[in-house]
Structure formats: C-alpha cells, structure tokens
Amino acid sequence: MSRIGKLPIHVPAGVTVTIKDNVVTVKGPKGEMTQVVNPDINVTLEDGIIHLTRPTDEKNHRALHGLYRSLINNMVIGCSEGYKKELELVGVGYRVTNTGQLLDLSLGYTHNIYLLLPKEVKVETKAERNKNPLIILESADKQLLGQICAKIRSFRMPEPYKGKGIKFVGEEIRRKSGKSAGK
C-alpha cells in the first residue's frame, strides 16, 4: 500500500497546474516545469488539490503511484518557493568564485576546476575572512539541483580524518581517529 501516493497535493495561490494527455505542467513565480506521467496513473485536479490514483495493487503500479506523487509535489513546491542548497569548502587554500554561471573551484589540485552551470540554477559564492567559502545554489528543479550538488561534491569528497572537502552546510562528517589512536 503506497502511503505517499495517497496523500493529496495542495496547490498554493499563484501556481497553475494543467493536466493534458498524461503531461502535468506547473507554472509559478519561480518557473515552469513539466512531467510526463505513466498512462496507468490517473492524475486529477479539483478545487486546487491534485489526487493520484492507480488501477491495481501490483508492485509496479504501487511504485509508480508514489514516484509520480513525489515528482509532482516537488514541482509544485519548486515553482512556488524554490529549493536552496549551500555547500561549504573545508580545507586550507580551497577557494571558489563565480563569473555568471561559470564556477571556478580551487581545491588543492595542480589546476582549477571550471564548471558551467545550467541557466535554471542561480549561483552565488561567498568568501569571508576566517570562514570557509560557501557556494549557494538556488533552483525550482529539485532533481537538477541535487545532481549539480553531487557533481560539485565529487570534485573533493569530505574525508573522514581531517574533514577536508566539499560538504553541505550543517552536514556532520563521521570522523576517524587515525593511527595515533591506538597508542
């Protein structure tokens, strides 16, 4: 039984949802997104509430029911409020700057890493004295934002001994004691 799929999606004011031929389109102040829904899943909009129903209790239908409910809910939240992620660079000499959508990362390698971000993502960098540099990413698309954060983190994953690397703000890195702990 899909508990997530049964939950209704409330559409906030200022957001319009159109459903036509298994394509759900959400427009809001932060952007516009579309999602193609499997024809087996029935999507209805009535009185500002979206309901998703499935034809049977087969395993595949149950999985798709919860999946599409989550995807549509993420689109509604993204188009109304948007999503924001903050990444922190922990390490001596680690720096980041941005020129428009081009991110320039200096992470202790012999070369700088340049990453061109899509136009759907707004990027801002902060570098204050005696604080770790920050990368602030904002977008209406939760999936794209997570994918970009994962790509940036993959350049220098946080390591467990000194905690150096790129991590989310507020993320706890599980630390190891190292060789000197046994003495």
Protein backbone atom coordinates (compact mmCIF):
# COMPACT_ATOMS: atom_id res chain seq x y z
CA MET A 1 0.00 0.00 0.00
CA SER A 2 1.52 3.32 -1.08
CA ARG A 3 1.17 5.81 1.72
CA ILE A 4 2.91 8.62 -0.16
CA GLY A 5 0.82 8.19 -3.31
CA LYS A 6 -2.44 8.57 -1.39
CA LEU A 7 -1.54 11.99 0.03
CA PRO A 8 -3.19 14.92 -1.77
CA ILE A 9 -1.09 17.74 -3.21
CA HIS A 10 -2.32 21.22 -2.28
CA VAL A 11 -1.67 23.82 -4.98
CA PRO A 12 -0.78 27.22 -3.42
CA ALA A 13 -2.04 30.55 -4.72
CA GLY A 14 -0.08 31.88 -7.69
CA VAL A 15 0.65 28.40 -9.07
CA THR A 16 -1.30 26.99 -12.03
CA VAL A 17 -1.42 23.29 -12.83
CA THR A 18 -2.62 21.91 -16.17
CA ILE A 19 -3.08 18.23 -16.93
CA LYS A 20 -3.36 17.16 -20.57
CA ASP A 21 -2.61 13.78 -22.21
CA ASN A 22 -0.59 12.41 -19.25
CA VAL A 23 1.57 15.57 -19.11
CA VAL A 24 1.43 17.67 -15.94
CA THR A 25 2.58 21.29 -16.34
CA VAL A 26 3.17 23.50 -13.31
CA LYS A 27 3.70 27.26 -13.67
CA GLY A 28 4.58 29.55 -10.80
CA PRO A 29 6.59 32.62 -9.84
CA LYS A 30 9.87 30.65 -9.74
CA GLY A 31 9.48 28.93 -13.12
CA GLU A 32 7.66 26.38 -15.24
CA MET A 33 8.14 22.59 -15.22
CA THR A 34 6.54 19.63 -16.98
CA GLN A 35 6.41 15.93 -16.15
CA VAL A 36 5.18 13.07 -18.32
CA VAL A 37 3.14 10.65 -16.20
CA ASN A 38 2.73 6.94 -16.94
CA PRO A 39 -0.71 6.35 -18.56
CA ASP A 40 -1.59 3.80 -15.85
CA ILE A 41 -1.56 6.50 -13.15
CA ASN A 42 -4.63 8.77 -13.18
CA VAL A 43 -4.00 12.43 -12.21
CA THR A 44 -6.95 14.68 -11.36
CA LEU A 45 -7.13 18.32 -10.28
CA GLU A 46 -10.17 19.57 -8.39
CA ASP A 47 -10.54 22.63 -6.13
CA GLY A 48 -6.77 23.28 -6.00
CA ILE A 49 -5.95 19.74 -4.87
CA ILE A 50 -4.19 17.12 -7.04
CA HIS A 51 -5.07 13.45 -6.48
CA LEU A 52 -3.25 10.48 -7.99
CA THR A 53 -4.89 7.05 -8.29
CA ARG A 54 -3.63 3.71 -9.53
CA PRO A 55 -5.63 0.96 -11.28
CA THR A 56 -4.39 -2.09 -9.29
CA ASP A 57 -2.24 -3.03 -6.31
CA GLU A 58 0.50 -4.57 -8.45
CA LYS A 59 4.04 -3.84 -7.32
CA ASN A 60 4.81 -1.71 -10.39
CA HIS A 61 1.65 0.39 -10.02
CA ARG A 62 2.35 0.96 -6.32
CA ALA A 63 5.90 2.12 -7.09
CA LEU A 64 4.80 4.47 -9.87
CA HIS A 65 1.98 5.86 -7.69
CA GLY A 66 4.36 7.12 -5.01
CA LEU A 67 7.00 8.19 -7.54
CA TYR A 68 4.76 10.45 -9.59
CA ARG A 69 3.13 11.91 -6.48
CA SER A 70 6.58 12.90 -5.18
CA LEU A 71 7.70 14.29 -8.54
CA ILE A 72 4.57 16.43 -8.95
CA ASN A 73 4.77 17.61 -5.32
CA ASN A 74 8.42 18.63 -5.84
CA MET A 75 7.40 20.55 -8.98
CA VAL A 76 4.64 22.43 -7.10
CA ILE A 77 6.97 23.33 -4.22
CA GLY A 78 9.78 24.29 -6.61
CA CYS A 79 7.61 26.57 -8.73
CA SER A 80 6.13 28.30 -5.68
CA GLU A 81 9.02 28.51 -3.18
CA GLY A 82 12.09 27.08 -4.93
CA TYR A 83 14.91 24.99 -3.47
CA LYS A 84 18.19 26.19 -1.98
CA LYS A 85 21.38 24.27 -1.17
CA GLU A 86 24.53 25.58 0.48
CA LEU A 87 27.90 23.89 0.04
CA GLU A 88 30.93 24.65 2.21
CA LEU A 89 34.58 24.22 1.18
CA VAL A 90 36.63 22.98 4.14
CA GLY A 91 40.40 23.00 3.63
CA VAL A 92 43.41 25.28 3.57
CA GLY A 93 43.60 27.18 0.30
CA TYR A 94 40.25 25.96 -1.04
CA ARG A 95 38.59 28.83 -2.91
CA VAL A 96 35.58 29.36 -5.17
CA THR A 97 34.49 32.22 -7.40
CA ASN A 98 31.79 32.57 -10.00
CA THR A 99 31.53 34.64 -13.16
CA GLY A 100 27.89 34.44 -14.15
CA GLN A 101 27.14 30.72 -14.49
CA LEU A 102 30.82 29.64 -14.58
CA LEU A 103 32.06 28.24 -11.27
CA ASP A 104 35.85 28.35 -10.68
CA LEU A 105 36.95 25.91 -7.94
CA SER A 106 40.45 25.82 -6.48
CA LEU A 107 40.60 22.58 -4.47
CA GLY A 108 44.27 21.83 -3.97
CA TYR A 109 44.86 20.20 -7.35
CA THR A 110 47.51 21.47 -9.78
CA HIS A 111 44.75 23.10 -11.84
CA ASN A 112 41.48 24.92 -11.19
CA ILE A 113 38.21 23.16 -11.96
CA TYR A 114 35.70 25.08 -14.09
CA LEU A 115 32.05 24.05 -14.08
CA LEU A 116 29.44 25.68 -16.31
CA LEU A 117 26.05 25.57 -14.58
CA PRO A 118 22.72 25.48 -16.45
CA LYS A 119 20.69 28.71 -16.64
CA GLU A 120 17.93 27.21 -14.44
CA VAL A 121 20.29 27.33 -11.43
CA LYS A 122 21.21 30.60 -9.71
CA VAL A 123 24.67 30.52 -8.15
CA GLU A 124 26.27 32.78 -5.57
CA THR A 125 29.62 32.43 -3.84
CA LYS A 126 30.73 33.91 -0.51
CA ALA A 127 34.28 34.13 0.78
CA GLU A 128 34.63 35.89 4.14
CA ARG A 129 37.78 36.23 6.19
CA ASN A 130 38.32 33.41 8.74
CA LYS A 131 35.30 31.49 7.39
CA ASN A 132 35.01 28.67 4.90
CA PRO A 133 33.98 29.66 1.35
CA LEU A 134 30.33 28.97 0.50
CA ILE A 135 28.53 28.05 -2.70
CA ILE A 136 24.81 28.91 -2.61
CA LEU A 137 22.68 27.26 -5.31
CA GLU A 138 19.00 28.02 -5.94
CA SER A 139 16.61 26.43 -8.44
CA ALA A 140 12.99 25.41 -8.95
CA ASP A 141 14.07 21.93 -10.12
CA LYS A 142 14.95 19.77 -7.12
CA GLN A 143 16.35 16.94 -9.23
CA LEU A 144 18.68 19.21 -11.22
CA LEU A 145 19.84 20.99 -8.06
CA GLY A 146 20.70 17.69 -6.35
CA GLN A 147 22.54 16.47 -9.43
CA ILE A 148 24.67 19.62 -9.59
CA CYS A 149 25.44 19.46 -5.85
CA ALA A 150 26.53 15.84 -6.25
CA LYS A 151 28.79 16.82 -9.18
CA ILE A 152 30.43 19.64 -7.21
CA ARG A 153 30.92 17.36 -4.18
CA SER A 154 32.51 14.68 -6.37
CA PHE A 155 35.46 17.01 -7.11
CA ARG A 156 36.63 16.71 -3.48
CA MET A 157 34.53 14.46 -1.24
CA PRO A 158 34.80 15.11 2.53
CA GLU A 159 37.39 12.78 4.02
CA PRO A 160 37.00 11.21 7.48
CA TYR A 161 40.42 12.05 9.02
CA LYS A 162 40.69 15.84 8.82
CA GLY A 163 37.20 16.59 7.46
CA LYS A 164 38.55 18.37 4.39
CA GLY A 165 36.46 18.57 1.24
CA ILE A 166 33.17 19.95 -0.04
CA LYS A 167 30.23 19.34 2.29
CA PHE A 168 26.71 20.64 2.81
CA VAL A 169 26.30 23.34 5.47
CA GLY A 170 25.27 21.61 8.68
CA GLU A 171 26.34 18.14 7.49
CA GLU A 172 28.11 16.01 10.10
CA ILE A 173 31.18 14.18 8.80
CA ARG A 174 31.86 10.93 10.63
CA ARG A 175 35.45 11.24 11.81
CA LYS A 176 38.09 8.55 12.29
CA SER A 177 40.84 8.78 14.87
CA GLY A 178 43.76 7.66 12.67
CA LYS A 179 46.98 5.82 13.53
CA SER A 180 47.75 7.66 16.75
CA ALA A 181 44.55 6.46 18.48
CA GLY A 182 45.93 3.04 19.42
CA LYS A 183 48.88 4.45 21.39
